[in-house]
PDB file of all heavy atoms in Angstrom:
ATOM      1  N   VAL A   1     -33.024 157.855  75.677  1.00  0.00           N
ATOM      2  CA  VAL A   1     -31.690 157.327  75.412  1.00  0.00           C
ATOM      3  C   VAL A   1     -31.673 155.810  75.610  1.00  0.00           C
ATOM      4  O   VAL A   1     -31.156 155.059  74.764  1.00  0.00           O
ATOM      5  CB  VAL A   1     -30.646 158.004  76.323  1.00  0.00           C
ATOM      6  CG1 VAL A   1     -29.270 157.359  76.128  1.00  0.00           C
ATOM      7  CG2 VAL A   1     -30.585 159.495  76.047  1.00  0.00           C
ATOM      8  N   LEU A   2     -32.240 155.353  76.715  1.00  0.00           N
ATOM      9  CA  LEU A   2     -32.242 153.918  77.003  1.00  0.00           C
ATOM     10  C   LEU A   2     -33.120 153.148  76.017  1.00  0.00           C
ATOM     11  O   LEU A   2     -32.782 152.031  75.614  1.00  0.00           O
ATOM     12  CB  LEU A   2     -32.694 153.672  78.444  1.00  0.00           C
ATOM     13  CG  LEU A   2     -31.766 154.258  79.517  1.00  0.00           C
ATOM     14  CD1 LEU A   2     -32.293 153.928  80.910  1.00  0.00           C
ATOM     15  CD2 LEU A   2     -30.338 153.755  79.359  1.00  0.00           C
ATOM     16  N   VAL A   3     -34.231 153.737  75.629  1.00  0.00           N
ATOM     17  CA  VAL A   3     -35.079 153.104  74.612  1.00  0.00           C
ATOM     18  C   VAL A   3     -34.321 153.020  73.293  1.00  0.00           C
ATOM     19  O   VAL A   3     -34.394 152.013  72.573  1.00  0.00           O
ATOM     20  CB  VAL A   3     -36.397 153.887  74.452  1.00  0.00           C
ATOM     21  CG1 VAL A   3     -37.185 153.356  73.256  1.00  0.00           C
ATOM     22  CG2 VAL A   3     -37.238 153.777  75.727  1.00  0.00           C
ATOM     23  N   ALA A   4     -33.545 154.057  72.977  1.00  0.00           N
ATOM     24  CA  ALA A   4     -32.795 154.081  71.720  1.00  0.00           C
ATOM     25  C   ALA A   4     -31.729 152.992  71.657  1.00  0.00           C
ATOM     26  O   ALA A   4     -31.397 152.509  70.565  1.00  0.00           O
ATOM     27  CB  ALA A   4     -32.145 155.451  71.524  1.00  0.00           C
ATOM     28  N   ILE A   5     -31.172 152.602  72.805  1.00  0.00           N
ATOM     29  CA  ILE A   5     -30.155 151.546  72.798  1.00  0.00           C
ATOM     30  C   ILE A   5     -30.770 150.161  72.971  1.00  0.00           C
ATOM     31  O   ILE A   5     -30.042 149.173  73.126  1.00  0.00           O
ATOM     32  CB  ILE A   5     -29.060 151.786  73.861  1.00  0.00           C
ATOM     33  CG1 ILE A   5     -29.631 151.717  75.280  1.00  0.00           C
ATOM     34  CG2 ILE A   5     -28.356 153.112  73.614  1.00  0.00           C
ATOM     35  CD1 ILE A   5     -28.556 151.747  76.368  1.00  0.00           C
ATOM     36  N   GLY A   6     -32.105 150.089  72.946  1.00  0.00           N
ATOM     37  CA  GLY A   6     -32.763 148.793  72.926  1.00  0.00           C
ATOM     38  C   GLY A   6     -33.335 148.312  74.235  1.00  0.00           C
ATOM     39  O   GLY A   6     -33.867 147.188  74.303  1.00  0.00           O
ATOM     40  N   ARG A   7     -33.276 149.114  75.280  1.00  0.00           N
ATOM     41  CA  ARG A   7     -33.900 148.710  76.540  1.00  0.00           C
ATOM     42  C   ARG A   7     -35.417 148.801  76.408  1.00  0.00           C
ATOM     43  O   ARG A   7     -35.936 149.717  75.770  1.00  0.00           O
ATOM     44  CB  ARG A   7     -33.438 149.595  77.695  1.00  0.00           C
ATOM     45  CG  ARG A   7     -31.941 149.594  77.961  1.00  0.00           C
ATOM     46  CD  ARG A   7     -31.408 148.217  78.274  1.00  0.00           C
ATOM     47  NE  ARG A   7     -30.010 148.254  78.682  1.00  0.00           N
ATOM     48  CZ  ARG A   7     -29.192 147.221  78.630  1.00  0.00           C
ATOM     49  NH1 ARG A   7     -29.639 146.044  78.174  1.00  0.00           N
ATOM     50  NH2 ARG A   7     -27.948 147.325  79.022  1.00  0.00           N
ATOM     51  N   THR A   8     -36.110 147.859  77.018  1.00  0.00           N
ATOM     52  CA  THR A   8     -37.563 147.943  77.046  1.00  0.00           C
ATOM     53  C   THR A   8     -37.975 149.122  77.919  1.00  0.00           C
ATOM     54  O   THR A   8     -37.196 149.593  78.761  1.00  0.00           O
ATOM     55  CB  THR A   8     -38.173 146.664  77.623  1.00  0.00           C
ATOM     56  OG1 THR A   8     -37.774 146.536  79.002  1.00  0.00           O
ATOM     57  CG2 THR A   8     -37.741 145.438  76.837  1.00  0.00           C
ATOM     58  N   ALA A   9     -39.199 149.593  77.727  1.00  0.00           N
ATOM     59  CA  ALA A   9     -39.688 150.716  78.536  1.00  0.00           C
ATOM     60  C   ALA A   9     -39.651 150.357  80.016  1.00  0.00           C
ATOM     61  O   ALA A   9     -39.289 151.185  80.863  1.00  0.00           O
ATOM     62  CB  ALA A   9     -41.101 151.092  78.101  1.00  0.00           C
ATOM     63  N   GLU A  10     -39.993 149.118  80.323  1.00  0.00           N
ATOM     64  CA  GLU A  10     -40.005 148.670  81.718  1.00  0.00           C
ATOM     65  C   GLU A  10     -38.603 148.682  82.314  1.00  0.00           C
ATOM     66  O   GLU A  10     -38.384 149.185  83.420  1.00  0.00           O
ATOM     67  CB  GLU A  10     -40.597 147.265  81.811  1.00  0.00           C
ATOM     68  CG  GLU A  10     -40.650 146.697  83.228  1.00  0.00           C
ATOM     69  CD  GLU A  10     -41.230 145.299  83.257  1.00  0.00           C
ATOM     70  OE1 GLU A  10     -42.433 145.160  82.943  1.00  0.00           O
ATOM     71  OE2 GLU A  10     -40.497 144.348  83.573  1.00  0.00           O
ATOM     72  N   LEU A  11     -37.639 148.150  81.574  1.00  0.00           N
ATOM     73  CA  LEU A  11     -36.273 148.108  82.083  1.00  0.00           C
ATOM     74  C   LEU A  11     -35.686 149.519  82.169  1.00  0.00           C
ATOM     75  O   LEU A  11     -34.946 149.838  83.114  1.00  0.00           O
ATOM     76  CB  LEU A  11     -35.405 147.222  81.191  1.00  0.00           C
ATOM     77  CG  LEU A  11     -34.011 146.845  81.723  1.00  0.00           C
ATOM     78  CD1 LEU A  11     -34.115 146.156  83.076  1.00  0.00           C
ATOM     79  CD2 LEU A  11     -33.282 145.957  80.722  1.00  0.00           C
ATOM     80  N   ALA A  12     -36.044 150.357  81.215  1.00  0.00           N
ATOM     81  CA  ALA A  12     -35.540 151.734  81.226  1.00  0.00           C
ATOM     82  C   ALA A  12     -36.002 152.492  82.468  1.00  0.00           C
ATOM     83  O   ALA A  12     -35.298 153.381  82.960  1.00  0.00           O
ATOM     84  CB  ALA A  12     -35.984 152.466  79.967  1.00  0.00           C
ATOM     85  N   GLN A  13     -37.166 152.126  82.993  1.00  0.00           N
ATOM     86  CA  GLN A  13     -37.683 152.803  84.189  1.00  0.00           C
ATOM     87  C   GLN A  13     -36.913 152.431  85.446  1.00  0.00           C
ATOM     88  O   GLN A  13     -37.111 153.031  86.501  1.00  0.00           O
ATOM     89  CB  GLN A  13     -39.169 152.455  84.381  1.00  0.00           C
ATOM     90  CG  GLN A  13     -40.084 152.978  83.295  1.00  0.00           C
ATOM     91  CD  GLN A  13     -40.440 154.447  83.464  1.00  0.00           C
ATOM     92  OE1 GLN A  13     -39.735 155.190  84.121  1.00  0.00           O
ATOM     93  NE2 GLN A  13     -41.541 154.868  82.863  1.00  0.00           N
ATOM     94  N   SER A  14     -36.015 151.456  85.349  1.00  0.00           N
ATOM     95  CA  SER A  14     -35.257 151.009  86.518  1.00  0.00           C
ATOM     96  C   SER A  14     -33.836 151.560  86.523  1.00  0.00           C
ATOM     97  O   SER A  14     -32.999 151.108  87.297  1.00  0.00           O
ATOM     98  CB  SER A  14     -35.185 149.477  86.534  1.00  0.00           C
ATOM     99  OG  SER A  14     -34.303 148.990  85.528  1.00  0.00           O
ATOM    100  N   SER A  15     -33.550 152.539  85.685  1.00  0.00           N
ATOM    101  CA  SER A  15     -32.168 152.981  85.524  1.00  0.00           C
ATOM    102  C   SER A  15     -31.654 153.759  86.732  1.00  0.00           C
ATOM    103  O   SER A  15     -32.400 154.426  87.454  1.00  0.00           O
ATOM    104  CB  SER A  15     -32.030 153.843  84.261  1.00  0.00           C
ATOM    105  OG  SER A  15     -32.738 155.057  84.413  1.00  0.00           O
ATOM    106  N   LEU A  16     -30.357 153.651  86.923  1.00  0.00           N
ATOM    107  CA  LEU A  16     -29.651 154.381  87.971  1.00  0.00           C
ATOM    108  C   LEU A  16     -28.366 154.941  87.380  1.00  0.00           C
ATOM    109  O   LEU A  16     -27.565 154.188  86.820  1.00  0.00           O
ATOM    110  CB  LEU A  16     -29.321 153.455  89.147  1.00  0.00           C
ATOM    111  CG  LEU A  16     -28.424 154.047  90.242  1.00  0.00           C
ATOM    112  CD1 LEU A  16     -29.166 155.137  91.020  1.00  0.00           C
ATOM    113  CD2 LEU A  16     -27.936 152.958  91.191  1.00  0.00           C
ATOM    114  N   ARG A  17     -28.183 156.257  87.497  1.00  0.00           N
ATOM    115  CA  ARG A  17     -26.950 156.890  87.041  1.00  0.00           C
ATOM    116  C   ARG A  17     -26.152 157.373  88.245  1.00  0.00           C
ATOM    117  O   ARG A  17     -26.671 158.108  89.091  1.00  0.00           O
ATOM    118  CB  ARG A  17     -27.239 158.080  86.122  1.00  0.00           C
ATOM    119  CG  ARG A  17     -25.971 158.728  85.560  1.00  0.00           C
ATOM    120  CD  ARG A  17     -26.277 159.970  84.739  1.00  0.00           C
ATOM    121  NE  ARG A  17     -26.788 161.069  85.551  1.00  0.00           N
ATOM    122  CZ  ARG A  17     -27.161 162.249  85.077  1.00  0.00           C
ATOM    123  NH1 ARG A  17     -27.107 162.464  83.771  1.00  0.00           N
ATOM    124  NH2 ARG A  17     -27.625 163.205  85.878  1.00  0.00           N
ATOM    125  N   LEU A  18     -24.913 156.936  88.317  1.00  0.00           N
ATOM    126  CA  LEU A  18     -23.978 157.396  89.336  1.00  0.00           C
ATOM    127  C   LEU A  18     -22.870 158.149  88.609  1.00  0.00           C
ATOM    128  O   LEU A  18     -22.110 157.544  87.848  1.00  0.00           O
ATOM    129  CB  LEU A  18     -23.397 156.215  90.119  1.00  0.00           C
ATOM    130  CG  LEU A  18     -24.413 155.266  90.779  1.00  0.00           C
ATOM    131  CD1 LEU A  18     -23.710 154.031  91.317  1.00  0.00           C
ATOM    132  CD2 LEU A  18     -25.176 155.986  91.889  1.00  0.00           C
ATOM    133  N   SER A  19     -22.790 159.452  88.802  1.00  0.00           N
ATOM    134  CA  SER A  19     -21.782 160.245  88.091  1.00  0.00           C
ATOM    135  C   SER A  19     -20.809 160.854  89.101  1.00  0.00           C
ATOM    136  O   SER A  19     -21.200 161.583  90.005  1.00  0.00           O
ATOM    137  CB  SER A  19     -22.434 161.323  87.222  1.00  0.00           C
ATOM    138  OG  SER A  19     -23.400 162.062  87.938  1.00  0.00           O
ATOM    139  N   LEU A  20     -19.556 160.513  88.914  1.00  0.00           N
ATOM    140  CA  LEU A  20     -18.498 160.840  89.867  1.00  0.00           C
ATOM    141  C   LEU A  20     -17.897 162.213  89.630  1.00  0.00           C
ATOM    142  O   LEU A  20     -18.082 162.810  88.567  1.00  0.00           O
ATOM    143  CB  LEU A  20     -17.404 159.777  89.782  1.00  0.00           C
ATOM    144  CG  LEU A  20     -17.862 158.361  90.145  1.00  0.00           C
ATOM    145  CD1 LEU A  20     -17.157 157.334  89.285  1.00  0.00           C
ATOM    146  CD2 LEU A  20     -17.643 158.100  91.620  1.00  0.00           C
ATOM    147  N   GLY A  21     -17.141 162.683  90.625  1.00  0.00           N
ATOM    148  CA  GLY A  21     -16.486 163.972  90.515  1.00  0.00           C
ATOM    149  C   GLY A  21     -15.194 164.015  91.300  1.00  0.00           C
ATOM    150  O   GLY A  21     -14.757 163.019  91.882  1.00  0.00           O
ATOM    151  N   ARG A  22     -14.600 165.189  91.339  1.00  0.00           N
ATOM    152  CA  ARG A  22     -13.272 165.351  91.927  1.00  0.00           C
ATOM    153  C   ARG A  22     -13.239 165.081  93.430  1.00  0.00           C
ATOM    154  O   ARG A  22     -12.180 164.770  93.987  1.00  0.00           O
ATOM    155  CB  ARG A  22     -12.726 166.752  91.622  1.00  0.00           C
ATOM    156  CG  ARG A  22     -13.511 167.888  92.245  1.00  0.00           C
ATOM    157  CD  ARG A  22     -13.069 169.251  91.687  1.00  0.00           C
ATOM    158  NE  ARG A  22     -11.646 169.468  91.857  1.00  0.00           N
ATOM    159  CZ  ARG A  22     -11.111 170.020  92.940  1.00  0.00           C
ATOM    160  NH1 ARG A  22     -11.877 170.363  93.959  1.00  0.00           N
ATOM    161  NH2 ARG A  22      -9.804 170.215  93.016  1.00  0.00           N
ATOM    162  N   ASP A  23     -14.362 165.230  94.117  1.00  0.00           N
ATOM    163  CA  ASP A  23     -14.378 165.087  95.568  1.00  0.00           C
ATOM    164  C   ASP A  23     -14.715 163.676  96.044  1.00  0.00           C
ATOM    165  O   ASP A  23     -14.661 163.414  97.256  1.00  0.00           O
ATOM    166  CB  ASP A  23     -15.377 166.074  96.181  1.00  0.00           C
ATOM    167  CG  ASP A  23     -14.991 167.524  95.936  1.00  0.00           C
ATOM    168  OD1 ASP A  23     -13.777 167.812  95.957  1.00  0.00           O
ATOM    169  OD2 ASP A  23     -15.886 168.359  95.720  1.00  0.00           O
ATOM    170  N   ASN A  24     -15.086 162.779  95.136  1.00  0.00           N
ATOM    171  CA  ASN A  24     -15.445 161.426  95.557  1.00  0.00           C
ATOM    172  C   ASN A  24     -14.216 160.619  95.965  1.00  0.00           C
ATOM    173  O   ASN A  24     -13.116 160.845  95.463  1.00  0.00           O
ATOM    174  CB  ASN A  24     -16.207 160.705  94.450  1.00  0.00           C
ATOM    175  CG  ASN A  24     -17.577 161.298  94.213  1.00  0.00           C
ATOM    176  OD1 ASN A  24     -17.895 161.741  93.110  1.00  0.00           O
ATOM    177  ND2 ASN A  24     -18.419 161.345  95.241  1.00  0.00           N
ATOM    178  N   THR A  25     -14.416 159.674  96.889  1.00  0.00           N
ATOM    179  CA  THR A  25     -13.309 158.913  97.471  1.00  0.00           C
ATOM    180  C   THR A  25     -13.563 157.412  97.392  1.00  0.00           C
ATOM    181  O   THR A  25     -14.698 156.960  97.180  1.00  0.00           O
ATOM    182  CB  THR A  25     -13.121 159.287  98.950  1.00  0.00           C
ATOM    183  OG1 THR A  25     -14.295 158.873  99.693  1.00  0.00           O
ATOM    184  CG2 THR A  25     -12.917 160.785  99.127  1.00  0.00           C
ATOM    185  N   GLU A  26     -12.506 156.642  97.595  1.00  0.00           N
ATOM    186  CA  GLU A  26     -12.607 155.183  97.646  1.00  0.00           C
ATOM    187  C   GLU A  26     -13.537 154.752  98.787  1.00  0.00           C
ATOM    188  O   GLU A  26     -14.317 153.801  98.644  1.00  0.00           O
ATOM    189  CB  GLU A  26     -11.215 154.571  97.854  1.00  0.00           C
ATOM    190  CG  GLU A  26     -10.271 154.722  96.678  1.00  0.00           C
ATOM    191  CD  GLU A  26     -10.497 153.668  95.602  1.00  0.00           C
ATOM    192  OE1 GLU A  26     -11.436 152.848  95.741  1.00  0.00           O
ATOM    193  OE2 GLU A  26      -9.738 153.674  94.618  1.00  0.00           O
ATOM    194  N   LYS A  27     -13.461 155.442  99.901  1.00  0.00           N
ATOM    195  CA  LYS A  27     -14.316 155.115 101.045  1.00  0.00           C
ATOM    196  C   LYS A  27     -15.792 155.256 100.683  1.00  0.00           C
ATOM    197  O   LYS A  27     -16.623 154.433 101.089  1.00  0.00           O
ATOM    198  CB  LYS A  27     -13.970 156.024 102.225  1.00  0.00           C
ATOM    199  CG  LYS A  27     -14.743 155.727 103.497  1.00  0.00           C
ATOM    200  CD  LYS A  27     -14.319 156.661 104.630  1.00  0.00           C
ATOM    201  CE  LYS A  27     -15.129 156.382 105.895  1.00  0.00           C
ATOM    202  NZ  LYS A  27     -14.729 157.311 107.007  1.00  0.00           N
ATOM    203  N   GLU A  28     -16.103 156.291  99.922  1.00  0.00           N
ATOM    204  CA  GLU A  28     -17.488 156.487  99.513  1.00  0.00           C
ATOM    205  C   GLU A  28     -17.956 155.363  98.597  1.00  0.00           C
ATOM    206  O   GLU A  28     -19.103 154.894  98.705  1.00  0.00           O
ATOM    207  CB  GLU A  28     -17.637 157.835  98.817  1.00  0.00           C
ATOM    208  CG  GLU A  28     -17.489 159.026  99.746  1.00  0.00           C
ATOM    209  CD  GLU A  28     -17.612 160.353  99.025  1.00  0.00           C
ATOM    210  OE1 GLU A  28     -17.356 160.396  97.798  1.00  0.00           O
ATOM    211  OE2 GLU A  28     -17.964 161.352  99.673  1.00  0.00           O
ATOM    212  N   ILE A  29     -17.090 154.930  97.698  1.00  0.00           N
ATOM    213  CA  ILE A  29     -17.462 153.845  96.789  1.00  0.00           C
ATOM    214  C   ILE A  29     -17.708 152.567  97.580  1.00  0.00           C
ATOM    215  O   ILE A  29     -18.652 151.814  97.287  1.00  0.00           O
ATOM    216  CB  ILE A  29     -16.362 153.629  95.727  1.00  0.00           C
ATOM    217  CG1 ILE A  29     -16.149 154.910  94.918  1.00  0.00           C
ATOM    218  CG2 ILE A  29     -16.733 152.461  94.810  1.00  0.00           C
ATOM    219  CD1 ILE A  29     -17.390 155.527  94.340  1.00  0.00           C
ATOM    220  N   THR A  30     -16.893 152.321  98.588  1.00  0.00           N
ATOM    221  CA  THR A  30     -17.105 151.154  99.455  1.00  0.00           C
ATOM    222  C   THR A  30     -18.484 151.226 100.103  1.00  0.00           C
ATOM    223  O   THR A  30     -19.225 150.224 100.145  1.00  0.00           O
ATOM    224  CB  THR A  30     -16.020 151.097 100.552  1.00  0.00           C
ATOM    225  OG1 THR A  30     -14.743 150.928  99.934  1.00  0.00           O
ATOM    226  CG2 THR A  30     -16.277 149.949 101.520  1.00  0.00           C
ATOM    227  N   GLN A  31     -18.865 152.399 100.576  1.00  0.00           N
ATOM    228  CA  GLN A  31     -20.169 152.556 101.225  1.00  0.00           C
ATOM    229  C   GLN A  31     -21.314 152.338 100.237  1.00  0.00           C
ATOM    230  O   GLN A  31     -22.326 151.713 100.574  1.00  0.00           O
ATOM    231  CB  GLN A  31     -20.276 153.937 101.861  1.00  0.00           C
ATOM    232  CG  GLN A  31     -21.518 154.113 102.731  1.00  0.00           C
ATOM    233  CD  GLN A  31     -21.472 155.389 103.542  1.00  0.00           C
ATOM    234  OE1 GLN A  31     -20.387 155.941 103.800  1.00  0.00           O
ATOM    235  NE2 GLN A  31     -22.635 155.878 103.952  1.00  0.00           N
ATOM    236  N   VAL A  32     -21.152 152.842  99.016  1.00  0.00           N
ATOM    237  CA  VAL A  32     -22.191 152.643  97.997  1.00  0.00           C
ATOM    238  C   VAL A  32     -22.355 151.159  97.697  1.00  0.00           C
ATOM    239  O   VAL A  32     -23.488 150.637  97.608  1.00  0.00           O
ATOM    240  CB  VAL A  32     -21.851 153.417  96.714  1.00  0.00           C
ATOM    241  CG1 VAL A  32     -22.818 153.046  95.585  1.00  0.00           C
ATOM    242  CG2 VAL A  32     -21.886 154.918  96.971  1.00  0.00           C
ATOM    243  N   LEU A  33     -21.249 150.447  97.553  1.00  0.00           N
ATOM    244  CA  LEU A  33     -21.301 149.022  97.229  1.00  0.00           C
ATOM    245  C   LEU A  33     -21.807 148.179  98.403  1.00  0.00           C
ATOM    246  O   LEU A  33     -22.284 147.054  98.203  1.00  0.00           O
ATOM    247  CB  LEU A  33     -19.921 148.538  96.780  1.00  0.00           C
ATOM    248  CG  LEU A  33     -19.446 149.098  95.431  1.00  0.00           C
ATOM    249  CD1 LEU A  33     -18.014 148.658  95.138  1.00  0.00           C
ATOM    250  CD2 LEU A  33     -20.376 148.656  94.302  1.00  0.00           C
ATOM    251  N   GLU A  34     -21.733 148.718  99.592  1.00  0.00           N
ATOM    252  CA  GLU A  34     -22.301 148.034 100.757  1.00  0.00           C
ATOM    253  C   GLU A  34     -23.796 148.318 100.901  1.00  0.00           C
ATOM    254  O   GLU A  34     -24.506 147.561 101.546  1.00  0.00           O
ATOM    255  CB  GLU A  34     -21.570 148.482 102.033  1.00  0.00           C
ATOM    256  CG  GLU A  34     -20.146 147.966 102.159  1.00  0.00           C
ATOM    257  CD  GLU A  34     -19.425 148.542 103.367  1.00  0.00           C
ATOM    258  OE1 GLU A  34     -19.952 149.507 103.977  1.00  0.00           O
ATOM    259  OE2 GLU A  34     -18.323 148.063 103.684  1.00  0.00           O
TER     260      GLU A  34
END
């Protein structure tokens, strides 16, 4: 998918997906960003 949108193979290997749900909170997002 990342190669298809033009990312190099090297950059594609650095990907991070964060997928949220009903139980996630603002406090958790603060902790992730810290």
